Amino acid sequence: MSSIELYRIKKRIEEAINILIVSHHDPDGDALGSSLGLGSFLNSIGKKTIVYNRDKCPDYLNFIDSSDLINSIESISDDIDLILLLDLNDFERTGEDMSIYLKNTQIDIIVIDHHQNPKIKTNFSLIDANSSSTGILIYNLILSFGQPINNLIATLLLTTIITDTSSFRNSNTNSEALRVASELVNSGANMQLINSSLLNERSLNKLLLEKEILLNHEFYSDIHTSISFCTTENYNSTNTTKEQSEGVANFLLNHKEVKIGIFIRQISKNSWKVSMRTDGFINLSLLANKFDGGGHKNASGFTFDGNIDYLKKLLRERILYEQQNPTS
């Protein structure tokens, strides 16, 4: 992470009065924790801040106070003079309405992210693919202001690390993540609240959904890959939502012989959202790029239009190819 770029971003934020913070749709713990944490801090130093996401806070993150989150572009005021994009590297990841807004605005845009291959051209960016979460970059940005971090912000930023490292279990867990997590706990982050909410709270309906997901599960031993899917009918029959299937790809990965976990969620009749996780077995970012998606080496995704059986066939073929040609 460049200290020069950090300083430039700090100065630009200091010059702004009305700030819009945007993160990717279908937000995870990193997107929400980073956005709401930074928004809370900027409000505390006198900025007028709006935090936007196309979608509401998912059920599994309901311990986060997202009452300040707006979901409608019509709620954005006309006097915005700075836009911060967090945990994304492509305008399209914000949703159709916001993407159009961003492509047509003349307002300065700052990108803060830890994904590879950024697709946004801007004069201000803080991008570090070695960072375990965008929240760590936000932590360093807040520290540059010389202000203390309160309990709320500390908890939000710790959420970004815990979710993006799968509770310090995946290969995103590095010394920086552990150090920053420790410092956030010292600042008052409620780790017990985060862990109990993420790991221990399950409704009966969610258990029924997990049963359906396991029934749809397939393991391909030749490529060390577990694939499962969830259809609209699966959600309807268990009275659940897409938010209650978050983390399935990580769950599939947590088995001895599995090197890649893939979860496929139905979006519409012939449209599917694919989430992939690994612990360094292959570069999933390269794999996702083949399907016009993206992400990290160990966590990536994409959307696919077509037959799910054909999708699984393509995935199997591509994973086998990537294993045999790891540098391609």
Protein backbone atom coordinates (compact mmCIF):
# COMPACT_ATOMS: atom_id res chain seq x y z
CA MET A 1 0.00 0.00 0.00
CA SER A 2 1.42 3.35 -1.06
CA SER A 3 1.78 5.91 1.73
CA ILE A 4 1.78 8.64 -0.93
CA GLU A 5 -1.57 7.49 -2.31
CA LEU A 6 -2.96 7.18 1.22
CA TYR A 7 -1.93 10.80 1.89
CA ARG A 8 -3.50 12.02 -1.38
CA ILE A 9 -6.78 10.30 -0.55
CA LYS A 10 -6.77 11.71 2.98
CA LYS A 11 -6.27 15.24 1.65
CA ARG A 12 -9.04 14.84 -0.93
CA ILE A 13 -11.44 13.60 1.76
CA GLU A 14 -10.53 16.56 3.97
CA GLU A 15 -11.47 18.92 1.13
CA ALA A 16 -14.89 17.30 0.62
CA ILE A 17 -18.11 18.23 2.41
CA ASN A 18 -20.75 15.81 1.10
CA ILE A 19 -19.48 12.27 0.50
CA LEU A 20 -21.16 9.26 -1.10
CA ILE A 21 -19.87 5.78 -0.17
CA VAL A 22 -20.81 2.88 -2.46
CA SER A 23 -20.01 -0.85 -2.22
CA HIS A 24 -20.90 -3.85 -4.38
CA HIS A 25 -24.41 -5.26 -4.60
CA ASP A 26 -25.23 -8.44 -2.66
CA PRO A 27 -22.98 -7.04 0.07
CA ASP A 28 -20.84 -9.26 2.27
CA GLY A 29 -19.19 -8.49 5.58
CA ASP A 30 -16.29 -6.65 3.97
CA ALA A 31 -18.48 -4.43 1.81
CA LEU A 32 -20.86 -3.48 4.62
CA GLY A 33 -18.28 -3.29 7.40
CA SER A 34 -15.97 -1.10 5.34
CA SER A 35 -18.73 1.20 4.09
CA LEU A 36 -20.56 1.68 7.37
CA GLY A 37 -17.33 1.89 9.35
CA LEU A 38 -15.87 4.59 7.13
CA GLY A 39 -19.22 6.37 6.95
CA SER A 40 -19.45 6.48 10.73
CA PHE A 41 -15.92 7.84 11.00
CA LEU A 42 -16.44 10.53 8.35
CA ASN A 43 -19.63 11.68 10.06
CA SER A 44 -17.70 11.94 13.32
CA ILE A 45 -15.22 14.40 11.78
CA GLY A 46 -17.94 16.63 10.36
CA LYS A 47 -18.53 15.23 6.89
CA LYS A 48 -22.05 14.71 5.56
CA THR A 49 -21.93 11.10 4.43
CA ILE A 50 -24.37 8.87 2.55
CA VAL A 51 -23.75 5.10 2.46
CA TYR A 52 -25.40 3.38 -0.51
CA ASN A 53 -25.88 -0.23 -1.50
CA ARG A 54 -28.39 -1.57 -4.00
CA ASP A 55 -29.33 -4.36 -1.59
CA LYS A 56 -30.25 -4.50 2.06
CA CYS A 57 -28.07 -6.01 4.77
CA PRO A 58 -28.26 -9.84 4.51
CA ASP A 59 -29.78 -11.76 7.39
CA TYR A 60 -26.52 -13.33 8.48
CA LEU A 61 -25.10 -9.85 9.12
CA ASN A 62 -28.13 -8.57 11.01
CA PHE A 63 -25.97 -7.83 14.06
CA ILE A 64 -24.70 -4.84 12.06
CA ASP A 65 -26.71 -1.66 12.47
CA SER A 66 -27.46 -0.83 8.83
CA SER A 67 -30.16 1.77 9.53
CA ASP A 68 -28.02 4.43 7.82
CA LEU A 69 -27.78 2.38 4.61
CA ILE A 70 -29.80 3.69 1.67
CA ASN A 71 -30.89 1.40 -1.18
CA SER A 72 -32.37 3.88 -3.64
CA ILE A 73 -30.38 6.12 -5.96
CA GLU A 74 -33.19 8.68 -5.71
CA SER A 75 -32.17 9.23 -2.08
CA ILE A 76 -28.77 10.61 -3.10
CA SER A 77 -28.57 14.38 -2.73
CA ASP A 78 -27.44 16.70 -5.53
CA ASP A 79 -24.63 18.28 -3.52
CA ILE A 80 -22.30 15.25 -3.41
CA ASP A 81 -18.73 16.41 -4.06
CA LEU A 82 -16.81 13.13 -3.57
CA ILE A 83 -17.57 9.46 -4.20
CA LEU A 84 -15.81 6.55 -2.47
CA LEU A 85 -16.11 3.09 -4.03
CA LEU A 86 -15.24 0.31 -1.59
CA ASP A 87 -14.54 -3.39 -2.14
CA LEU A 88 -15.17 -3.39 -5.88
CA ASN A 89 -13.17 -2.91 -9.07
CA ASP A 90 -15.94 -2.48 -11.65
CA PHE A 91 -18.85 -0.02 -11.86
CA GLU A 92 -21.14 -2.90 -12.87
CA ARG A 93 -20.72 -4.41 -9.39
CA THR A 94 -22.76 -1.56 -7.92
CA GLY A 95 -25.94 -2.43 -9.83
CA GLU A 96 -27.44 -1.01 -13.01
CA ASP A 97 -28.76 2.32 -11.68
CA MET A 98 -25.63 3.22 -9.73
CA SER A 99 -23.38 2.06 -12.55
CA ILE A 100 -25.06 4.51 -14.93
CA TYR A 101 -24.77 7.27 -12.32
CA LEU A 102 -21.04 6.62 -11.84
CA LYS A 103 -20.28 6.45 -15.56
CA ASN A 104 -21.90 9.83 -16.16
CA THR A 105 -20.77 11.79 -13.12
CA GLN A 106 -18.08 14.47 -13.14
CA ILE A 107 -17.51 14.06 -9.40
CA ASP A 108 -14.12 12.79 -8.21
CA ILE A 109 -14.15 9.05 -7.51
CA ILE A 110 -11.83 7.27 -5.07
CA VAL A 111 -11.51 3.48 -5.28
CA ILE A 112 -10.41 1.56 -2.17
CA ASP A 113 -10.22 -2.16 -2.81
CA HIS A 114 -8.24 -5.38 -2.49
CA HIS A 115 -9.31 -7.10 -5.70
CA GLN A 116 -7.02 -7.77 -8.63
CA ASN A 117 -7.37 -6.31 -12.14
CA PRO A 118 -9.21 -3.02 -11.47
CA LYS A 119 -11.49 -1.92 -14.32
CA ILE A 120 -12.14 1.60 -13.04
CA LYS A 121 -9.96 4.49 -14.20
CA THR A 122 -9.66 7.24 -11.60
CA ASN A 123 -7.13 9.76 -10.33
CA PHE A 124 -7.44 8.41 -6.79
CA SER A 125 -7.15 4.77 -5.80
CA LEU A 126 -5.89 2.69 -2.91
CA ILE A 127 -5.64 -0.89 -4.14
CA ASP A 128 -3.73 -3.66 -2.39
CA ALA A 129 -4.39 -7.22 -3.51
CA ASN A 130 -2.27 -8.49 -0.60
CA SER A 131 -4.67 -7.03 1.96
CA SER A 132 -6.98 -9.60 3.54
CA SER A 133 -9.94 -7.23 3.39
CA THR A 134 -10.89 -3.78 2.21
CA GLY A 135 -11.62 -3.07 5.86
CA ILE A 136 -7.89 -3.20 6.63
CA LEU A 137 -7.29 -0.47 4.06
CA ILE A 138 -10.06 1.58 5.66
CA TYR A 139 -8.44 1.02 9.06
CA ASN A 140 -5.14 2.43 7.79
CA LEU A 141 -6.95 5.37 6.19
CA ILE A 142 -8.73 6.21 9.45
CA LEU A 143 -5.46 5.97 11.37
CA SER A 144 -3.93 8.55 9.01
CA PHE A 145 -6.41 11.11 10.36
CA GLY A 146 -4.97 10.68 13.86
CA GLN A 147 -8.40 10.08 15.39
CA PRO A 148 -9.31 7.28 17.83
CA ILE A 149 -11.44 4.37 16.63
CA ASN A 150 -14.56 3.82 18.72
CA ASN A 151 -16.22 0.51 19.61
CA LEU A 152 -18.73 0.66 16.75
CA ILE A 153 -16.17 1.32 14.03
CA ALA A 154 -13.79 -1.27 15.50
CA THR A 155 -16.53 -3.92 15.41
CA LEU A 156 -17.47 -3.07 11.83
CA LEU A 157 -13.86 -3.25 10.63
CA LEU A 158 -13.19 -6.48 12.53
CA THR A 159 -16.23 -7.94 10.77
CA THR A 160 -14.51 -7.30 7.43
CA ILE A 161 -11.48 -9.33 8.48
CA ILE A 162 -13.39 -12.20 10.08
CA THR A 163 -15.69 -12.65 7.09
CA ASP A 164 -13.01 -12.36 4.41
CA THR A 165 -10.65 -14.75 6.20
CA SER A 166 -13.45 -17.20 7.10
CA SER A 167 -12.74 -16.60 10.79
CA PHE A 168 -8.95 -16.67 10.26
CA ARG A 169 -9.07 -20.07 8.56
CA ASN A 170 -8.39 -19.44 4.88
CA SER A 171 -5.20 -18.41 3.11
CA ASN A 172 -6.20 -14.73 3.22
CA THR A 173 -5.15 -14.85 6.87
CA ASN A 174 -1.77 -13.14 7.07
CA SER A 175 0.25 -11.36 9.74
CA GLU A 176 -1.30 -7.99 8.89
CA ALA A 177 -4.82 -9.38 9.33
CA LEU A 178 -3.94 -10.82 12.73
CA ARG A 179 -2.20 -7.62 13.83
CA VAL A 180 -5.04 -5.33 12.77
CA ALA A 181 -7.63 -7.67 14.31
CA SER A 182 -5.75 -7.51 17.60
CA GLU A 183 -5.60 -3.72 17.46
CA LEU A 184 -9.32 -3.52 16.71
CA VAL A 185 -10.13 -5.74 19.69
CA ASN A 186 -7.99 -3.42 21.81
CA SER A 187 -10.06 -0.54 20.44
CA GLY A 188 -13.25 -2.20 21.67
CA ALA A 189 -14.38 -4.45 18.81
CA ASN A 190 -16.94 -7.01 19.98
CA MET A 191 -15.50 -10.25 18.60
CA GLN A 192 -17.92 -12.38 20.61
CA LEU A 193 -20.90 -10.65 18.97
CA ILE A 194 -19.46 -11.18 15.50
CA ASN A 195 -18.58 -14.84 15.98
CA SER A 196 -21.82 -15.79 17.73
CA SER A 197 -23.84 -14.10 15.00
CA LEU A 198 -21.90 -15.60 12.10
CA LEU A 199 -21.36 -19.10 13.44
CA ASN A 200 -24.06 -19.99 15.92
CA GLU A 201 -27.38 -18.47 14.88
CA ARG A 202 -29.39 -20.69 12.53
CA SER A 203 -33.12 -20.74 11.95
CA LEU A 204 -35.03 -23.95 11.25
CA ASN A 205 -35.74 -22.70 7.74
CA LYS A 206 -32.04 -22.20 7.10
CA LEU A 207 -31.33 -25.75 8.23
CA LEU A 208 -33.96 -26.98 5.76
CA LEU A 209 -32.29 -24.95 3.03
CA GLU A 210 -28.90 -26.44 3.90
CA LYS A 211 -30.46 -29.89 3.58
CA GLU A 212 -31.58 -29.04 0.02
CA ILE A 213 -28.13 -27.71 -0.82
CA LEU A 214 -26.51 -30.92 0.42
CA LEU A 215 -28.94 -33.00 -1.65
CA ASN A 216 -27.82 -31.00 -4.70
CA HIS A 217 -24.15 -31.52 -3.87
CA GLU A 218 -21.68 -33.27 -6.18
CA PHE A 219 -18.01 -34.05 -5.55
CA TYR A 220 -15.61 -34.44 -8.48
CA SER A 221 -12.59 -36.29 -7.14
CA ASP A 222 -10.50 -35.82 -10.29
CA ILE A 223 -10.45 -32.05 -9.78
CA HIS A 224 -10.89 -32.05 -5.97
CA THR A 225 -13.97 -29.88 -6.38
CA SER A 226 -17.33 -29.77 -4.59
CA ILE A 227 -20.20 -28.14 -6.45
CA SER A 228 -23.70 -27.50 -5.17
CA PHE A 229 -26.57 -25.33 -6.29
CA CYS A 230 -29.77 -23.79 -5.06
CA THR A 231 -32.80 -23.15 -7.24
CA THR A 232 -35.62 -20.68 -6.80
CA GLU A 233 -37.81 -23.63 -5.87
CA ASN A 234 -35.36 -24.60 -3.10
CA TYR A 235 -35.67 -21.11 -1.60
CA ASN A 236 -39.45 -21.03 -1.96
CA SER A 237 -40.04 -24.49 -0.47
CA THR A 238 -37.97 -23.64 2.62
CA ASN A 239 -39.25 -20.06 2.91
CA THR A 240 -35.71 -18.69 2.76
CA THR A 241 -33.83 -16.02 0.82
CA LYS A 242 -30.53 -15.82 -1.02
CA GLU A 243 -28.93 -14.19 2.04
CA GLN A 244 -29.44 -17.41 4.00
CA SER A 245 -27.25 -19.31 1.56
CA GLU A 246 -24.27 -17.01 2.02
CA GLY A 247 -21.08 -18.85 2.87
CA VAL A 248 -21.98 -22.15 1.19
CA ALA A 249 -18.87 -22.10 -1.01
CA ASN A 250 -16.72 -21.81 2.11
CA PHE A 251 -18.69 -24.59 3.76
CA LEU A 252 -18.08 -26.89 0.78
CA LEU A 253 -14.38 -26.12 0.96
CA ASN A 254 -14.10 -27.19 4.60
CA HIS A 255 -13.71 -30.90 3.88
CA LYS A 256 -10.54 -32.94 3.76
CA GLU A 257 -10.40 -33.87 0.08
CA VAL A 258 -11.94 -30.68 -1.28
CA LYS A 259 -9.64 -28.06 -2.78
CA ILE A 260 -12.30 -25.93 -4.49
CA GLY A 261 -15.83 -25.16 -3.26
CA ILE A 262 -18.37 -23.84 -5.76
CA PHE A 263 -21.90 -22.70 -5.00
CA ILE A 264 -24.35 -21.86 -7.78
CA ARG A 265 -27.45 -19.82 -6.98
CA GLN A 266 -30.35 -19.34 -9.37
CA ILE A 267 -31.09 -15.69 -10.16
CA SER A 268 -33.84 -16.20 -12.74
CA LYS A 269 -35.05 -18.98 -15.03
CA ASN A 270 -31.77 -19.40 -16.93
CA SER A 271 -29.43 -17.15 -14.98
CA TRP A 272 -27.03 -18.26 -12.24
CA LYS A 273 -24.69 -16.62 -9.74
CA VAL A 274 -21.49 -18.61 -9.15
CA SER A 275 -19.34 -18.23 -6.02
CA MET A 276 -15.98 -20.02 -5.84
CA ARG A 277 -13.55 -20.52 -2.97
CA THR A 278 -10.17 -22.23 -2.60
CA ASP A 279 -7.07 -22.16 -0.44
CA GLY A 280 -4.51 -21.56 -3.14
CA PHE A 281 -5.18 -24.67 -5.24
CA ILE A 282 -5.65 -22.66 -8.44
CA ASN A 283 -6.08 -18.96 -9.25
CA LEU A 284 -9.84 -18.50 -9.14
CA SER A 285 -9.55 -14.92 -10.35
CA LEU A 286 -8.21 -16.20 -13.68
CA LEU A 287 -10.98 -18.79 -13.82
CA ALA A 288 -13.68 -16.20 -13.14
CA ASN A 289 -12.23 -13.91 -15.80
CA LYS A 290 -12.93 -16.60 -18.39
CA PHE A 291 -16.62 -16.13 -17.57
CA ASP A 292 -16.40 -12.29 -17.46
CA GLY A 293 -16.30 -12.32 -13.68
CA GLY A 294 -13.58 -11.49 -11.19
CA GLY A 295 -12.43 -11.39 -7.60
CA HIS A 296 -9.43 -12.70 -5.71
CA LYS A 297 -7.09 -15.60 -6.24
CA ASN A 298 -8.91 -17.54 -3.52
CA ALA A 299 -12.41 -16.08 -3.79
CA SER A 300 -14.07 -15.17 -7.08
CA GLY A 301 -17.37 -15.31 -8.87
CA PHE A 302 -19.39 -14.59 -11.98
CA THR A 303 -22.87 -14.79 -13.45
CA PHE A 304 -23.87 -17.24 -16.17
CA ASP A 305 -26.83 -17.37 -18.52
CA GLY A 306 -27.77 -20.84 -19.70
CA ASN A 307 -28.34 -24.42 -18.60
CA ILE A 308 -26.90 -25.37 -15.20
CA ASP A 309 -25.74 -28.79 -16.37
CA TYR A 310 -23.81 -27.12 -19.18
CA LEU A 311 -22.40 -24.64 -16.65
CA LYS A 312 -21.14 -27.46 -14.43
CA LYS A 313 -19.59 -29.15 -17.47
CA LEU A 314 -17.78 -25.93 -18.41
CA LEU A 315 -16.54 -25.50 -14.84
CA ARG A 316 -15.18 -29.03 -14.69
CA GLU A 317 -13.37 -28.64 -18.00
CA ARG A 318 -11.93 -25.24 -17.11
CA ILE A 319 -10.79 -26.28 -13.63
CA LEU A 320 -9.05 -29.33 -15.05
CA TYR A 321 -7.34 -27.13 -17.63
CA GLU A 322 -6.24 -24.60 -14.98
CA GLN A 323 -4.82 -27.41 -12.85
CA GLN A 324 -2.82 -28.74 -15.78
CA ASN A 325 -1.76 -25.26 -16.93
CA PRO A 326 -1.39 -23.23 -13.71
CA THR A 327 0.34 -20.24 -15.30
CA SER A 328 -2.15 -19.83 -18.18
